[in-house]
Amino acid sequence: MLRELVDPNKVDLLTKPSISDMRVIGTNNHVLAFDNLSGISPQFSDAICKIATGDNQAVRKLYTTNDEMTISIKKPCLMNGIDEIAKRGDLVSRSVKLPLRKIKTRKTEKKVWADFTADAPSIFGALLDGLAWSIQAMPHTQVDDLTRMADFCRLSTAASGAYGWFEGEFMKVYKDNIRNTHVDSLESSTFASGIVKMFERESNFYGRPIELLERLEDKCYVSEKVIRSQRWPTTAKGVVNYLDRLQESLEIVGIYYEKSKDRTNKTFVTISKHNQRATEYEFEAEDDDFDDSHIDLKSFKDKF
């Protein structure tokens, strides 16, 4: 129904295609609507991220050897499913998650579509009212603390007057939505769940990635069944890859991660409940407020 408002198509809902077919689907559809997904692969998640915020691909022209053509895709995507779909931080930060309530009173498909067809002009008109208001208000709209989808935040905030939203109401609700989705993504990851459980008892960790893996396993922060599963990392590189992906989501629940290298180029990770970067910023701010009025700079320069 959402797609029907702006991109009516005989094939209204799509099944999960192969990654190579995403280019064709993105070129020939304005809205990509995928139905009844039972989880998605990392490759599919990456493809959706690129399509949502813009993807440019250079491919070889058919029947040629050296000629190429450029395909630019930037389309809104709709996905639904019972399982948790957005598990990776980059997709979470590009998404708006809408939990749907269980249907209690059912109608026939014919009745549902008849009701929607009757209401569609009013719904579409309301969307156009918001768009027109937003375009008019955009030059005067200022949004502090923008998220990754900065243009979307500004466009939606500018439409507040059309829908009777209070100042800052959209950003508050939108950030709450992202936060809740980050928490759901952590709960759907066995490695992330182990990190969260570890920091319910501990306050910090510093060491090699493989030492973190041993800590998680030895302290029983994860079950033996999870450790034996194929998705559980077994190398230092695998641990770092997980932490890099989970960094934004972990910060939502107050767990901060940084990685560094020593003089021998060995990787070390620091994980704590205390934001070290914020502390460094506050320390620098204190230095800026240092009172140097008692120092005679002229006499100091004369000595040297």
Protein backbone atom coordinates (compact mmCIF):
# COMPACT_ATOMS: atom_id res chain seq x y z
CA MET A 1 0.00 0.00 0.00
CA LEU A 2 2.82 2.42 0.79
CA ARG A 3 4.41 1.69 -2.56
CA GLU A 4 1.07 2.03 -4.33
CA LEU A 5 0.91 5.69 -3.28
CA VAL A 6 4.06 6.79 -5.11
CA ASP A 7 5.22 3.89 -7.31
CA PRO A 8 2.31 1.71 -8.49
CA ASN A 9 3.58 -1.45 -10.11
CA LYS A 10 2.09 -4.78 -11.09
CA VAL A 11 4.90 -6.47 -9.15
CA ASP A 12 4.24 -4.51 -5.95
CA LEU A 13 6.26 -6.71 -3.56
CA LEU A 14 9.60 -8.37 -4.30
CA THR A 15 11.24 -11.47 -2.92
CA LYS A 16 14.87 -11.27 -1.86
CA PRO A 17 16.91 -11.19 -5.09
CA SER A 18 20.53 -12.08 -5.68
CA ILE A 19 23.03 -9.27 -5.17
CA SER A 20 23.77 -9.12 -8.91
CA ASP A 21 20.05 -8.55 -9.66
CA MET A 22 19.82 -5.61 -7.23
CA ARG A 23 21.24 -3.29 -9.91
CA VAL A 24 18.44 -4.19 -12.34
CA ILE A 25 15.71 -3.89 -9.70
CA GLY A 26 17.06 -0.58 -8.44
CA THR A 27 17.17 0.86 -11.95
CA ASN A 28 13.59 -0.10 -12.86
CA ASN A 29 11.78 0.63 -9.59
CA HIS A 30 11.37 3.87 -7.66
CA VAL A 31 10.56 2.08 -4.38
CA LEU A 32 12.14 -1.28 -3.56
CA ALA A 33 9.67 -3.22 -1.41
CA PHE A 34 10.83 -6.62 -0.11
CA ASP A 35 8.25 -8.85 1.56
CA ASN A 36 8.49 -11.55 4.23
CA LEU A 37 12.26 -11.54 4.75
CA SER A 38 13.67 -14.17 7.11
CA GLY A 39 16.86 -12.35 7.94
CA ILE A 40 19.30 -10.96 5.39
CA SER A 41 22.91 -11.70 4.57
CA PRO A 42 25.74 -9.19 5.20
CA GLN A 43 26.07 -8.74 1.43
CA PHE A 44 22.36 -7.93 1.02
CA SER A 45 22.55 -5.53 3.99
CA ASP A 46 25.47 -3.71 2.36
CA ALA A 47 23.61 -3.51 -0.96
CA ILE A 48 20.52 -1.98 0.69
CA CYS A 49 22.73 0.58 2.48
CA LYS A 50 24.29 1.67 -0.80
CA ILE A 51 20.96 1.92 -2.63
CA ALA A 52 19.36 3.92 0.20
CA THR A 53 22.06 6.62 0.32
CA GLY A 54 23.33 6.42 -3.25
CA ASP A 55 25.28 3.87 -5.29
CA ASN A 56 27.23 4.41 -8.51
CA GLN A 57 28.41 1.44 -10.53
CA ALA A 58 30.44 1.28 -13.74
CA VAL A 59 29.63 -1.82 -15.81
CA ARG A 60 30.67 -3.01 -19.24
CA LYS A 61 28.28 -2.22 -22.06
CA LEU A 62 26.78 -5.28 -23.68
CA TYR A 63 28.31 -6.38 -26.98
CA THR A 64 31.42 -4.25 -26.40
CA THR A 65 34.88 -4.92 -25.06
CA ASN A 66 36.15 -1.59 -23.76
CA ASP A 67 33.01 0.59 -23.44
CA GLU A 68 31.39 1.08 -20.07
CA MET A 69 28.23 2.65 -18.72
CA THR A 70 27.54 4.20 -15.31
CA ILE A 71 24.45 3.30 -13.31
CA SER A 72 23.42 5.60 -10.44
CA ILE A 73 20.87 4.29 -7.95
CA LYS A 74 19.38 6.12 -4.98
CA LYS A 75 15.98 4.74 -3.98
CA PRO A 76 13.89 4.29 -0.80
CA CYS A 77 13.61 0.71 0.41
CA LEU A 78 10.84 -1.05 2.35
CA MET A 79 11.41 -4.37 4.10
CA ASN A 80 9.21 -6.46 6.34
CA GLY A 81 9.64 -9.72 8.17
CA ILE A 82 9.17 -11.43 11.50
CA ASP A 83 12.90 -11.87 12.20
CA GLU A 84 15.21 -9.01 13.11
CA ILE A 85 16.27 -7.60 9.73
CA ALA A 86 18.59 -4.69 10.52
CA LYS A 87 21.39 -6.30 12.54
CA ARG A 88 24.41 -4.35 11.30
CA GLY A 89 25.07 -0.84 12.56
CA ASP A 90 25.35 0.79 9.12
CA LEU A 91 21.87 -0.45 8.13
CA VAL A 92 20.40 0.43 11.54
CA SER A 93 21.56 4.04 11.24
CA ARG A 94 19.87 4.28 7.83
CA SER A 95 16.56 2.76 8.96
CA VAL A 96 13.28 3.64 10.61
CA LYS A 97 11.85 0.58 12.36
CA LEU A 98 8.08 0.29 12.77
CA PRO A 99 6.88 -2.62 14.96
CA LEU A 100 3.40 -3.69 13.84
CA ARG A 101 0.69 -4.87 16.21
CA LYS A 102 -1.00 -8.21 15.76
CA ILE A 103 -4.17 -7.97 13.70
CA LYS A 104 -7.21 -8.63 15.90
CA THR A 105 -10.07 -7.89 13.49
CA ARG A 106 -9.56 -9.24 9.99
CA LYS A 107 -11.10 -8.18 6.68
CA THR A 108 -11.17 -9.74 3.24
CA GLU A 109 -8.50 -8.57 0.82
CA LYS A 110 -11.17 -7.00 -1.39
CA LYS A 111 -12.52 -4.96 1.55
CA VAL A 112 -9.02 -3.85 2.64
CA TRP A 113 -8.14 -2.57 -0.82
CA ALA A 114 -11.51 -0.88 -1.22
CA ASP A 115 -10.98 1.03 2.05
CA PHE A 116 -7.44 1.95 1.05
CA THR A 117 -8.51 3.16 -2.40
CA ALA A 118 -11.09 5.41 -0.76
CA ASP A 119 -8.51 6.87 1.65
CA ALA A 120 -5.54 7.03 -0.77
CA PRO A 121 -6.26 10.56 -2.09
CA SER A 122 -6.36 11.97 1.44
CA ILE A 123 -3.18 10.11 2.45
CA PHE A 124 -1.31 11.21 -0.67
CA GLY A 125 -2.56 14.77 -0.24
CA ALA A 126 -1.26 14.83 3.35
CA LEU A 127 2.15 13.66 2.12
CA LEU A 128 2.20 16.43 -0.49
CA ASP A 129 1.19 19.01 2.14
CA GLY A 130 4.17 17.93 4.26
CA LEU A 131 6.52 18.04 1.27
CA ALA A 132 5.33 21.51 0.19
CA TRP A 133 5.66 22.85 3.76
CA SER A 134 9.10 21.29 4.09
CA ILE A 135 10.41 22.82 0.85
CA GLN A 136 9.19 26.23 1.97
CA ALA A 137 10.64 25.94 5.48
CA MET A 138 13.95 24.28 4.57
CA PRO A 139 15.99 27.50 4.12
CA HIS A 140 15.09 28.55 7.68
CA THR A 141 15.38 25.12 9.33
CA GLN A 142 18.35 24.44 11.59
CA VAL A 143 18.85 21.01 13.18
CA ASP A 144 21.48 20.49 15.86
CA ASP A 145 23.19 17.15 16.47
CA LEU A 146 22.39 15.60 13.08
CA THR A 147 22.56 11.84 12.60
CA ARG A 148 23.96 9.93 9.61
CA MET A 149 20.77 10.65 7.59
CA ALA A 150 21.31 14.39 7.93
CA ASP A 151 19.28 15.50 4.89
CA PHE A 152 16.37 13.29 5.93
CA CYS A 153 16.46 14.79 9.42
CA ARG A 154 16.40 18.33 8.08
CA LEU A 155 13.67 17.63 5.50
CA SER A 156 11.43 15.92 8.08
CA THR A 157 12.03 18.57 10.73
CA ALA A 158 11.07 21.26 8.22
CA ALA A 159 7.70 19.53 7.73
CA SER A 160 6.83 19.79 11.44
CA GLY A 161 4.45 22.72 10.89
CA ALA A 162 2.32 20.73 8.43
CA TYR A 163 1.63 17.99 10.97
CA GLY A 164 1.48 19.97 14.20
CA TRP A 165 4.72 18.60 15.67
CA PHE A 166 6.42 20.50 18.47
CA GLU A 167 9.87 21.97 17.91
CA GLY A 168 12.45 19.19 18.10
CA GLU A 169 9.75 16.49 18.40
CA PHE A 170 10.70 14.66 15.21
CA MET A 171 14.40 14.40 16.10
CA LYS A 172 13.61 13.13 19.59
CA VAL A 173 11.31 10.39 18.28
CA TYR A 174 13.69 9.54 15.42
CA LYS A 175 16.71 9.19 17.72
CA ASP A 176 14.69 7.04 20.14
CA ASN A 177 13.76 4.81 17.20
CA ILE A 178 17.41 4.43 16.15
CA ARG A 179 18.46 3.73 19.73
CA ASN A 180 15.85 0.98 20.15
CA THR A 181 16.86 -0.58 16.84
CA HIS A 182 20.52 -0.58 17.92
CA VAL A 183 19.54 -2.38 21.14
CA ASP A 184 17.55 -4.96 19.16
CA SER A 185 20.54 -5.52 16.86
CA LEU A 186 22.79 -6.16 19.89
CA GLU A 187 20.34 -8.70 21.28
CA SER A 188 20.30 -10.54 17.94
CA SER A 189 24.11 -10.94 17.90
CA THR A 190 25.69 -13.67 20.04
CA PHE A 191 29.04 -11.85 20.14
CA ALA A 192 27.44 -8.53 21.10
CA SER A 193 25.35 -10.24 23.79
CA GLY A 194 28.55 -11.69 25.22
CA ILE A 195 30.20 -8.24 25.34
CA VAL A 196 27.14 -6.70 27.03
CA LYS A 197 27.03 -9.53 29.60
CA MET A 198 30.76 -9.13 30.26
CA PHE A 199 30.36 -5.43 31.04
CA GLU A 200 27.49 -6.07 33.41
CA ARG A 201 30.23 -7.48 35.72
CA GLU A 202 33.38 -5.72 34.52
CA SER A 203 34.16 -2.07 33.85
CA ASN A 204 37.07 -2.15 31.40
CA PHE A 205 39.29 -4.33 29.23
CA TYR A 206 42.62 -3.65 27.54
CA GLY A 207 44.55 -6.25 25.59
CA ARG A 208 44.91 -8.19 22.36
CA PRO A 209 41.72 -9.17 20.48
CA ILE A 210 42.42 -12.85 21.02
CA GLU A 211 42.68 -12.19 24.78
CA LEU A 212 39.22 -10.64 24.70
CA LEU A 213 37.93 -13.76 22.97
CA GLU A 214 39.51 -15.94 25.67
CA ARG A 215 37.97 -13.75 28.40
CA LEU A 216 34.51 -14.13 26.90
CA GLU A 217 34.90 -17.90 26.65
CA ASP A 218 36.72 -18.60 29.93
CA LYS A 219 34.41 -16.43 32.08
CA CYS A 220 31.33 -18.16 30.61
CA TYR A 221 29.89 -14.96 29.19
CA VAL A 222 28.72 -17.09 26.27
CA SER A 223 27.53 -20.68 26.20
CA GLU A 224 29.51 -23.64 24.87
CA LYS A 225 26.92 -24.03 22.12
CA VAL A 226 27.57 -20.46 20.92
CA ILE A 227 31.36 -20.98 20.96
CA ARG A 228 31.02 -24.07 18.74
CA SER A 229 28.76 -22.30 16.24
CA GLN A 230 30.12 -21.25 12.84
CA ARG A 231 29.33 -17.57 13.44
CA TRP A 232 31.54 -17.32 16.53
CA PRO A 233 34.89 -15.62 15.71
CA THR A 234 38.03 -17.69 16.12
CA THR A 235 40.73 -15.21 15.11
CA ALA A 236 41.91 -11.77 16.22
CA LYS A 237 40.84 -10.33 12.87
CA GLY A 238 37.37 -11.77 13.32
CA VAL A 239 37.07 -10.16 16.78
CA VAL A 240 38.15 -6.74 15.46
CA ASN A 241 35.70 -6.99 12.55
CA TYR A 242 32.85 -7.67 14.98
CA LEU A 243 33.84 -4.80 17.25
CA ASP A 244 34.16 -2.35 14.34
CA ARG A 245 30.67 -3.29 13.19
CA LEU A 246 29.20 -3.09 16.69
CA GLN A 247 30.91 0.12 17.83
CA GLU A 248 27.96 2.47 17.25
CA SER A 249 25.46 0.04 18.78
CA LEU A 250 27.63 -0.60 21.84
CA GLU A 251 27.97 3.13 22.50
CA ILE A 252 24.16 3.34 22.68
CA VAL A 253 24.25 1.11 25.79
CA GLY A 254 27.27 2.89 27.29
CA ILE A 255 30.09 0.58 26.17
CA TYR A 256 32.96 2.32 24.35
CA TYR A 257 35.51 0.63 22.11
CA GLU A 258 38.77 1.81 20.58
CA LYS A 259 41.58 0.00 18.83
CA SER A 260 45.23 0.96 18.62
CA LYS A 261 48.60 -0.43 17.53
CA ASP A 262 51.87 -0.59 19.43
CA ARG A 263 55.37 0.00 18.04
CA THR A 264 55.48 -3.54 16.64
CA ASN A 265 52.18 -2.95 14.78
CA LYS A 266 50.24 -5.34 17.03
CA THR A 267 46.55 -4.50 17.48
CA PHE A 268 45.18 -3.78 20.96
CA VAL A 269 41.58 -3.07 21.92
CA THR A 270 40.26 -0.92 24.74
CA ILE A 271 36.69 -1.44 25.90
CA SER A 272 35.19 0.37 28.86
CA LYS A 273 32.05 1.86 30.34
CA HIS A 274 33.83 5.23 30.40
CA ASN A 275 34.14 7.32 27.24
CA GLN A 276 37.86 8.07 27.09
CA ARG A 277 37.42 10.39 24.11
CA ALA A 278 34.94 12.54 26.05
CA THR A 279 37.37 12.73 28.95
CA GLU A 280 40.17 13.90 26.65
CA TYR A 281 37.86 16.55 25.21
CA GLU A 282 36.91 17.80 28.66
CA PHE A 283 40.59 17.93 29.67
CA GLU A 284 41.41 20.05 26.63
CA ALA A 285 38.49 22.35 27.42
CA GLU A 286 39.86 22.87 30.92
CA ASP A 287 43.21 23.90 29.42
CA ASP A 288 41.45 26.46 27.23
CA ASP A 289 40.00 28.09 30.35
CA PHE A 290 43.41 28.44 31.99
CA ASP A 291 43.87 31.92 33.43
CA ASP A 292 47.13 33.42 32.11
CA SER A 293 46.39 37.05 32.99
CA HIS A 294 49.10 37.09 35.67
CA ILE A 295 51.85 36.28 33.16
CA ASP A 296 53.87 39.21 31.83
CA LEU A 297 54.36 38.08 28.24
CA LYS A 298 56.49 41.10 27.32
CA SER A 299 59.09 40.43 29.99
CA PHE A 300 59.02 36.74 29.13
CA LYS A 301 59.85 37.50 25.46
CA ASP A 302 62.61 39.94 26.46
CA LYS A 303 64.45 37.19 28.34
CA PHE A 304 64.65 35.05 25.25
